[in-house]
């Protein structure tokens, strides 16, 4: 059975009731949100924002890295002597085009015995997320829309990476290159394994702190992350993650969460029958959603 939406000449014409032209779509697309007239352009999340969020994990910009380094060294002034190795790095990286700033940081720290390379890169990853969120609130919103908990977030990273690569030319940012790929698996014991493939070793160490900060900032979850590399393939890394939401530390919170789950499961109210975006798109691969003006705001195939 073919998709009933494939014969529209464009999503915009279909939304406006246009009838001219019957050129079919060249390829199937994932669910795409189209901002409506009632939405403010500044507050609407787009694929570009998701692309920027993913790039922060896989290929952070020099400006973001410099802000993180500056914040880290200022907030840990008592360890200033340990960070003496960073003094040879430029103070202003905005004028340094095509400068491998992250690699320079990694090499400088690795060349000294005053600080652990893994610990420093993980701490830098935490500050990278916190400073990026403080300068661009859309990045935090983009990350948060990937899941309601850490497991969903990590599982969705793989899907988002594929979607951003498979979009039509109109939605794709050709200037953006992704150096990494994610695959997330979970066990029956609740442990999470994230597999990363990247050409950049510093990115792999930086990601430990990034995930730790995201888990705490977005999901109030403490994590214990162990990074392992593969000797037969230097591009592959594995993260063994143990996650513990803070509210689960209290028995009262556990009991309250269980009671809420039972209440929602037996509720007949529409507001309680919530479903995630990924689950909705899997359950209803062919769907369209309109606003109160009956104008198309989302189309999925």
Protein backbone atom coordinates (compact mmCIF):
# COMPACT_ATOMS: atom_id res chain seq x y z
CA UNK A 1 0.00 0.00 0.00
CA UNK A 2 1.48 3.35 -1.01
CA UNK A 3 1.55 6.36 1.25
CA UNK A 4 -1.52 8.59 0.67
CA UNK A 5 0.58 11.75 1.11
CA UNK A 6 3.10 11.10 -1.66
CA UNK A 7 1.07 12.73 -4.42
CA UNK A 8 1.15 16.22 -2.95
CA UNK A 9 3.42 18.56 -4.92
CA UNK A 10 4.77 20.01 -1.71
CA UNK A 11 3.90 20.10 1.95
CA UNK A 12 3.24 23.82 1.76
CA UNK A 13 0.79 23.55 -1.15
CA UNK A 14 -1.01 20.72 0.58
CA UNK A 15 -1.32 22.84 3.73
CA UNK A 16 -2.74 25.80 1.80
CA UNK A 17 -5.15 23.71 -0.25
CA UNK A 18 -3.21 24.19 -3.49
CA UNK A 19 -4.08 21.93 -6.40
CA UNK A 20 -1.54 22.89 -9.04
CA UNK A 21 1.17 20.38 -9.90
CA UNK A 22 1.25 16.70 -9.03
CA UNK A 23 4.94 16.02 -8.82
CA UNK A 24 5.61 13.21 -6.39
CA UNK A 25 8.13 13.30 -3.58
CA UNK A 26 11.50 11.96 -4.56
CA UNK A 27 11.95 10.01 -1.33
CA UNK A 28 10.21 9.24 1.91
CA UNK A 29 10.81 11.64 4.74
CA UNK A 30 10.68 11.34 8.47
CA UNK A 31 8.20 13.39 10.46
CA UNK A 32 8.96 17.08 9.94
CA UNK A 33 7.52 19.94 11.97
CA UNK A 34 6.47 23.01 9.99
CA UNK A 35 6.22 26.22 12.03
CA UNK A 36 2.74 27.72 11.89
CA UNK A 37 1.71 31.38 11.87
CA UNK A 38 1.02 31.34 15.59
CA UNK A 39 4.54 30.24 16.47
CA UNK A 40 7.41 32.60 17.01
CA UNK A 41 10.36 31.91 14.75
CA UNK A 42 12.78 32.48 17.63
CA UNK A 43 11.21 29.77 19.78
CA UNK A 44 10.61 27.08 17.16
CA UNK A 45 12.99 24.13 17.16
CA UNK A 46 14.15 23.10 13.71
CA UNK A 47 16.43 20.45 12.27
CA UNK A 48 19.16 23.08 12.24
CA UNK A 49 18.99 23.32 16.03
CA UNK A 50 19.20 19.53 16.33
CA UNK A 51 22.16 19.62 13.98
CA UNK A 52 23.91 22.22 16.15
CA UNK A 53 23.20 20.19 19.28
CA UNK A 54 24.63 17.02 17.78
CA UNK A 55 27.67 18.90 16.51
CA UNK A 56 28.35 20.09 20.07
CA UNK A 57 28.96 16.44 21.00
CA UNK A 58 30.82 15.31 17.91
CA UNK A 59 32.67 18.40 16.64
CA UNK A 60 32.37 21.36 19.04
CA UNK A 61 33.28 24.75 17.64
CA UNK A 62 36.39 26.59 18.79
CA UNK A 63 34.25 29.35 20.32
CA UNK A 64 32.32 26.86 22.46
CA UNK A 65 35.54 25.14 23.52
CA UNK A 66 37.22 28.43 24.41
CA UNK A 67 34.24 29.47 26.55
CA UNK A 68 34.41 26.11 28.35
CA UNK A 69 38.17 26.34 28.94
CA UNK A 70 37.86 29.90 30.26
CA UNK A 71 35.02 28.95 32.62
CA UNK A 72 36.82 25.84 33.86
CA UNK A 73 40.10 27.61 34.66
CA UNK A 74 38.32 30.50 36.40
CA UNK A 75 36.10 28.28 38.55
CA UNK A 76 39.02 26.07 39.55
CA UNK A 77 41.57 28.78 40.28
CA UNK A 78 43.09 26.68 43.07
CA UNK A 79 44.37 24.31 40.38
CA UNK A 80 45.82 27.12 38.27
CA UNK A 81 49.33 25.67 38.37
CA UNK A 82 48.05 22.38 37.00
CA UNK A 83 46.62 24.17 33.99
CA UNK A 84 49.86 25.97 33.20
CA UNK A 85 50.14 23.80 30.09
CA UNK A 86 47.23 25.69 28.54
CA UNK A 87 49.01 29.05 28.57
CA UNK A 88 50.65 28.41 25.20
CA UNK A 89 47.25 28.18 23.53
CA UNK A 90 45.85 31.34 21.86
CA UNK A 91 43.68 33.64 23.96
CA UNK A 92 41.39 34.45 21.03
CA UNK A 93 40.48 31.59 18.69
CA UNK A 94 37.94 33.55 16.65
CA UNK A 95 40.68 34.76 14.33
CA UNK A 96 42.18 31.27 13.97
CA UNK A 97 40.43 29.61 11.05
CA UNK A 98 40.77 25.87 10.52
CA UNK A 99 42.51 25.66 13.89
CA UNK A 100 42.27 22.25 15.57
CA UNK A 101 41.72 23.77 19.00
CA UNK A 102 40.38 20.62 20.66
CA UNK A 103 43.35 18.57 19.47
CA UNK A 104 45.73 21.27 20.74
CA UNK A 105 44.08 21.20 24.17
CA UNK A 106 44.29 17.42 24.26
CA UNK A 107 47.96 17.37 23.23
CA UNK A 108 48.88 20.09 25.75
CA UNK A 109 47.24 18.27 28.66
CA UNK A 110 48.62 14.90 27.63
CA UNK A 111 52.15 16.33 27.51
CA UNK A 112 52.12 17.24 31.21
CA UNK A 113 52.10 15.12 34.35
CA UNK A 114 50.36 17.73 36.49
CA UNK A 115 46.84 16.69 35.49
CA UNK A 116 45.11 13.51 34.37
CA UNK A 117 44.17 13.71 30.71
CA UNK A 118 40.97 11.70 31.12
CA UNK A 119 39.85 13.67 34.17
CA UNK A 120 40.56 17.03 32.56
CA UNK A 121 38.80 16.19 29.29
CA UNK A 122 35.78 14.87 31.18
CA UNK A 123 35.64 18.05 33.28
CA UNK A 124 36.01 20.14 30.13
CA UNK A 125 33.10 18.24 28.60
CA UNK A 126 30.91 19.17 31.56
CA UNK A 127 31.79 22.84 31.22
CA UNK A 128 31.26 22.64 27.46
CA UNK A 129 27.62 21.63 27.98
CA UNK A 130 26.95 24.10 30.79
CA UNK A 131 28.46 27.10 29.00
CA UNK A 132 26.76 26.19 25.71
CA UNK A 133 23.38 25.94 27.45
CA UNK A 134 23.90 29.30 29.14
CA UNK A 135 24.71 31.01 25.82
CA UNK A 136 22.08 29.28 23.68
CA UNK A 137 18.91 28.03 25.36
CA UNK A 138 17.75 26.35 22.15
CA UNK A 139 20.56 23.81 22.48
CA UNK A 140 19.19 22.72 25.84
CA UNK A 141 15.68 22.46 24.39
CA UNK A 142 16.98 20.50 21.41
CA UNK A 143 18.75 17.99 23.65
CA UNK A 144 15.76 17.66 25.95
CA UNK A 145 13.39 16.83 23.10
CA UNK A 146 15.43 13.68 22.38
CA UNK A 147 13.99 11.83 25.36
CA UNK A 148 12.34 11.97 28.75
CA UNK A 149 15.22 10.16 30.45
CA UNK A 150 18.87 9.38 29.84
CA UNK A 151 18.22 6.00 28.21
CA UNK A 152 15.78 7.47 25.70
CA UNK A 153 18.20 10.31 25.01
CA UNK A 154 21.11 7.99 24.23
CA UNK A 155 18.95 5.67 22.14
CA UNK A 156 17.63 8.58 20.09
CA UNK A 157 21.10 9.92 19.28
CA UNK A 158 21.56 7.17 16.71
CA UNK A 159 18.21 7.89 15.05
CA UNK A 160 18.74 11.64 14.98
CA UNK A 161 22.15 11.17 13.37
CA UNK A 162 20.59 9.09 10.58
CA UNK A 163 17.67 11.48 10.07
CA UNK A 164 19.94 14.51 9.71
CA UNK A 165 21.90 12.68 7.02
CA UNK A 166 18.84 11.49 5.10
CA UNK A 167 16.91 14.76 4.83
CA UNK A 168 16.25 16.36 1.46
CA UNK A 169 18.65 19.02 0.21
CA UNK A 170 16.30 21.78 1.36
CA UNK A 171 16.59 20.69 4.99
CA UNK A 172 20.21 19.60 4.97
CA UNK A 173 23.10 21.82 5.99
CA UNK A 174 25.81 20.79 3.55
CA UNK A 175 28.46 22.65 5.52
CA UNK A 176 27.95 20.40 8.55
CA UNK A 177 30.02 17.25 8.78
CA UNK A 178 29.56 14.66 11.46
CA UNK A 179 32.63 12.87 12.66
CA UNK A 180 30.86 10.40 14.90
CA UNK A 181 28.20 7.73 14.94
CA UNK A 182 26.31 6.41 17.96
CA UNK A 183 24.80 3.04 18.79
CA UNK A 184 23.12 2.54 22.17
CA UNK A 185 22.23 -0.78 23.79
CA UNK A 186 20.65 -1.56 27.14
CA UNK A 187 20.68 -4.68 29.31
CA UNK A 188 17.97 -6.20 31.49
CA UNK A 189 19.88 -4.97 34.53
CA UNK A 190 19.38 -1.38 33.48
CA UNK A 191 22.96 -0.81 32.37
CA UNK A 192 23.57 1.25 29.27
CA UNK A 193 26.26 0.81 26.66
CA UNK A 194 26.96 3.56 24.16
CA UNK A 195 29.21 2.72 21.23
CA UNK A 196 30.96 5.61 19.53
CA UNK A 197 32.85 5.64 16.26
CA UNK A 198 34.93 8.76 15.68
CA UNK A 199 38.14 9.84 14.00
CA UNK A 200 38.87 12.20 16.91
CA UNK A 201 40.19 10.67 20.12
CA UNK A 202 39.73 13.93 22.10
CA UNK A 203 36.02 13.87 21.23
CA UNK A 204 35.71 10.44 22.83
CA UNK A 205 37.20 11.64 26.13
CA UNK A 206 35.23 14.89 25.99
CA UNK A 207 31.96 12.99 25.58
CA UNK A 208 32.29 11.45 29.05
CA UNK A 209 31.83 14.84 30.68
CA UNK A 210 29.20 15.93 28.16
CA UNK A 211 27.00 12.95 28.96
CA UNK A 212 27.54 13.42 32.68
CA UNK A 213 26.44 17.06 32.50
CA UNK A 214 23.44 16.30 30.25
CA UNK A 215 22.27 13.53 32.58
CA UNK A 216 22.41 15.80 35.62
CA UNK A 217 21.15 19.01 33.99
CA UNK A 218 18.27 17.59 31.96
CA UNK A 219 17.27 14.43 33.81
CA UNK A 220 18.59 14.89 37.38
CA UNK A 221 20.47 11.64 37.01
CA UNK A 222 23.86 10.77 38.44
CA UNK A 223 26.04 8.64 36.21
CA UNK A 224 29.12 6.48 36.49
CA UNK A 225 30.70 6.34 33.03
CA UNK A 226 33.58 4.02 32.16
CA UNK A 227 35.28 4.61 28.82
CA UNK A 228 36.90 1.71 27.01
CA UNK A 229 38.75 1.72 23.69
CA UNK A 230 39.45 -1.06 21.21
CA UNK A 231 43.06 -1.89 20.43
CA UNK A 232 42.15 -3.36 17.05
CA UNK A 233 40.26 -0.22 15.96
CA UNK A 234 41.34 3.15 17.41
CA UNK A 235 38.18 4.80 16.06
CA UNK A 236 35.84 2.74 18.26
CA UNK A 237 34.99 3.49 21.88
CA UNK A 238 32.53 2.02 24.36
CA UNK A 239 30.89 3.77 27.29
CA UNK A 240 29.58 1.59 30.12
CA UNK A 241 27.04 3.79 31.89
CA UNK A 242 25.35 3.24 35.23
CA UNK A 243 22.58 5.77 35.77
CA UNK A 244 20.70 6.52 38.97
CA UNK A 245 17.97 9.18 39.01
CA UNK A 246 18.20 11.26 42.16
CA UNK A 247 14.55 10.72 43.06
CA UNK A 248 15.12 6.96 43.24
CA UNK A 249 17.42 7.34 46.21
CA UNK A 250 14.48 7.85 48.51
CA UNK A 251 11.98 5.09 49.23
CA UNK A 252 9.24 7.66 49.50
CA UNK A 253 10.03 8.96 46.04
CA UNK A 254 10.02 5.42 44.69
CA UNK A 255 6.62 4.76 46.22
CA UNK A 256 5.24 8.04 44.91
CA UNK A 257 6.55 7.32 41.41
CA UNK A 258 4.94 3.88 41.44
CA UNK A 259 1.63 5.35 42.58
CA UNK A 260 1.73 7.97 39.84
CA UNK A 261 2.45 5.29 37.23
CA UNK A 262 -0.56 3.25 38.35
CA UNK A 263 -2.73 6.36 38.34
CA UNK A 264 -1.72 7.30 34.80
CA UNK A 265 -2.11 3.73 33.56
CA UNK A 266 -5.73 3.55 34.75
CA UNK A 267 -6.70 7.11 33.80
CA UNK A 268 -9.23 7.89 31.08
CA UNK A 269 -8.19 11.54 30.77
CA UNK A 270 -6.67 12.59 27.47
CA UNK A 271 -3.89 14.55 29.18
CA UNK A 272 -2.72 11.40 30.96
CA UNK A 273 -2.54 9.30 27.80
CA UNK A 274 0.87 10.61 26.80
CA UNK A 275 3.07 9.06 24.12
CA UNK A 276 6.58 9.93 23.03
CA UNK A 277 7.32 11.34 19.59
CA UNK A 278 9.35 8.29 18.54
CA UNK A 279 6.64 5.86 19.68
CA UNK A 280 3.93 7.91 17.97
CA UNK A 281 5.77 7.94 14.64
CA UNK A 282 6.35 4.18 14.85
CA UNK A 283 2.69 3.51 15.68
CA UNK A 284 1.38 5.95 13.04
CA UNK A 285 4.02 6.17 10.29
CA UNK A 286 1.49 7.80 7.92
CA UNK A 287 -0.04 10.75 9.75
CA UNK A 288 -0.70 14.44 9.53
CA UNK A 289 -1.41 16.96 12.27
CA UNK A 290 -3.21 20.28 11.87
CA UNK A 291 -3.64 23.29 14.11
CA UNK A 292 -6.99 24.81 15.07
CA UNK A 293 -7.08 26.58 11.71
CA UNK A 294 -6.85 23.17 10.03
CA UNK A 295 -3.50 24.12 8.55
CA UNK A 296 -0.90 21.38 8.28
CA UNK A 297 1.86 21.59 10.90
CA UNK A 298 3.30 18.06 10.77
CA UNK A 299 3.42 15.36 8.12
CA UNK A 300 4.92 11.92 8.65
CA UNK A 301 5.61 9.09 6.25
